[in-house]
Amino acid sequence: MPFVLNRWLSEPFMFAMLAIFLACTLVILLQKLRQRREGSPFFWCLVGLALAVIGLVASHYPYLVPDVMTLHAAASTTRTLEFMLFAISGLLPLMLGYNVYQYYVFRGKLKSKH
């Protein structure tokens, strides 16, 4: 896409740093996988995913649908956004509490008998 190429060429330092960080994350992820660590590969996979999403959003900003719809055109009204803020802030503690309960119930490692 010419728009993305122009965006990358207009700010080469930012996108080069993002690519370097993503490559470093991949190298660290592979090292942690070889070391057979428990939680480290998952963490570094999440970091890599976050960096990839940041790069994708930065490449297409301000478009949500490339060359069709901008971020500002897709936004809802202020009243709708306020309603969603209050609805989510009320439900989020309930969802997090349920996830904590799930982790507590299913804690421990599974042992293989084979």
Protein backbone atom coordinates (compact mmCIF):
# COMPACT_ATOMS: atom_id res chain seq x y z
CA MET A 1 0.00 0.00 0.00
CA PRO A 2 1.48 3.33 -1.01
CA PHE A 3 0.03 5.08 2.04
CA VAL A 4 1.87 2.76 4.44
CA LEU A 5 5.11 3.04 2.47
CA ASN A 6 4.87 6.84 2.54
CA ARG A 7 4.19 6.73 6.27
CA TRP A 8 7.25 4.54 6.92
CA LEU A 9 9.46 6.75 4.74
CA SER A 10 8.21 9.95 6.40
CA GLU A 11 9.27 8.76 9.88
CA PRO A 12 12.06 6.24 9.31
CA PHE A 13 13.62 6.53 12.78
CA MET A 14 10.41 5.65 14.63
CA PHE A 15 9.63 2.65 12.45
CA ALA A 16 13.25 1.47 12.45
CA MET A 17 13.27 1.54 16.26
CA LEU A 18 9.98 -0.35 16.33
CA ALA A 19 11.39 -3.00 13.98
CA ILE A 20 14.57 -3.30 16.07
CA PHE A 21 12.55 -3.70 19.28
CA LEU A 22 10.40 -6.35 17.62
CA ALA A 23 13.48 -8.24 16.39
CA CYS A 24 15.05 -8.08 19.88
CA THR A 25 11.83 -9.39 21.36
CA LEU A 26 11.88 -12.32 18.93
CA VAL A 27 15.51 -13.14 19.84
CA ILE A 28 14.72 -13.03 23.57
CA LEU A 29 11.62 -15.17 23.01
CA LEU A 30 13.67 -17.82 21.22
CA GLN A 31 16.28 -17.81 24.01
CA LYS A 32 13.61 -18.27 26.67
CA LEU A 33 12.06 -21.12 24.69
CA ARG A 34 15.44 -22.89 24.53
CA GLN A 35 15.87 -22.41 28.29
CA ARG A 36 12.44 -24.00 28.84
CA ARG A 37 11.28 -21.24 31.17
CA GLU A 38 7.73 -21.38 32.49
CA GLY A 39 6.28 -17.88 32.04
CA SER A 40 8.95 -15.95 30.16
CA PRO A 41 8.06 -17.10 26.62
CA PHE A 42 4.42 -16.14 27.16
CA PHE A 43 5.45 -12.68 28.40
CA TRP A 44 7.78 -12.07 25.46
CA CYS A 45 5.15 -13.30 23.03
CA LEU A 46 2.73 -10.73 24.47
CA VAL A 47 5.37 -8.00 24.17
CA GLY A 48 5.98 -8.96 20.53
CA LEU A 49 2.25 -8.94 19.82
CA ALA A 50 1.86 -5.51 21.43
CA LEU A 51 4.76 -4.12 19.38
CA ALA A 52 3.32 -5.58 16.17
CA VAL A 53 -0.09 -4.04 16.88
CA ILE A 54 1.51 -0.68 17.69
CA GLY A 55 3.39 -0.85 14.38
CA LEU A 56 0.24 -1.72 12.47
CA VAL A 57 -1.75 1.10 14.04
CA ALA A 58 1.09 3.59 13.56
CA SER A 59 1.42 2.56 9.92
CA HIS A 60 -2.25 3.17 9.14
CA TYR A 61 -3.02 6.13 11.44
CA PRO A 62 -5.47 7.96 11.15
CA TYR A 63 -7.27 5.31 9.08
CA LEU A 64 -9.15 2.39 10.62
CA VAL A 65 -10.11 1.02 7.23
CA PRO A 66 -7.23 2.03 4.92
CA ASP A 67 -8.13 4.89 2.59
CA VAL A 68 -11.82 4.63 3.54
CA MET A 69 -12.61 5.48 7.17
CA THR A 70 -10.63 7.58 9.61
CA LEU A 71 -10.51 7.13 13.36
CA HIS A 72 -12.51 10.29 13.93
CA ALA A 73 -15.23 9.32 11.44
CA ALA A 74 -15.67 5.92 13.14
CA ALA A 75 -16.02 7.30 16.67
CA SER A 76 -19.40 7.25 18.37
CA THR A 77 -21.09 10.21 19.97
CA THR A 78 -19.85 11.48 23.32
CA ARG A 79 -22.98 10.25 25.09
CA THR A 80 -22.49 6.69 23.79
CA LEU A 81 -18.84 6.67 24.81
CA GLU A 82 -19.74 7.90 28.31
CA PHE A 83 -22.37 5.15 28.67
CA MET A 84 -19.84 2.50 27.62
CA LEU A 85 -17.28 3.88 30.07
CA PHE A 86 -19.69 3.53 32.97
CA ALA A 87 -20.98 0.13 31.83
CA ILE A 88 -17.50 -1.32 31.42
CA SER A 89 -16.23 0.20 34.67
CA GLY A 90 -19.09 -1.57 36.44
CA LEU A 91 -18.58 -4.94 34.75
CA LEU A 92 -14.78 -5.03 34.67
CA PRO A 93 -14.33 -5.77 38.40
CA LEU A 94 -16.87 -8.59 38.10
CA MET A 95 -15.03 -10.12 35.13
CA LEU A 96 -11.63 -9.79 36.80
CA GLY A 97 -12.96 -11.33 40.01
CA TYR A 98 -14.34 -14.30 38.08
CA ASN A 99 -10.98 -14.81 36.34
CA VAL A 100 -9.17 -14.73 39.69
CA TYR A 101 -11.64 -17.33 40.98
CA GLN A 102 -10.99 -19.51 37.91
CA TYR A 103 -7.24 -19.35 38.39
CA TYR A 104 -7.66 -20.21 42.06
CA VAL A 105 -9.88 -23.24 41.34
CA PHE A 106 -7.67 -24.60 38.55
CA ARG A 107 -4.30 -23.81 40.15
CA GLY A 108 -1.43 -26.28 40.04
CA LYS A 109 0.29 -28.12 37.26
CA LEU A 110 -1.06 -31.08 35.39
CA LYS A 111 1.06 -34.19 35.88
CA SER A 112 1.39 -36.69 33.05
CA LYS A 113 1.34 -40.38 33.99
CA HIS A 114 2.89 -41.48 30.70
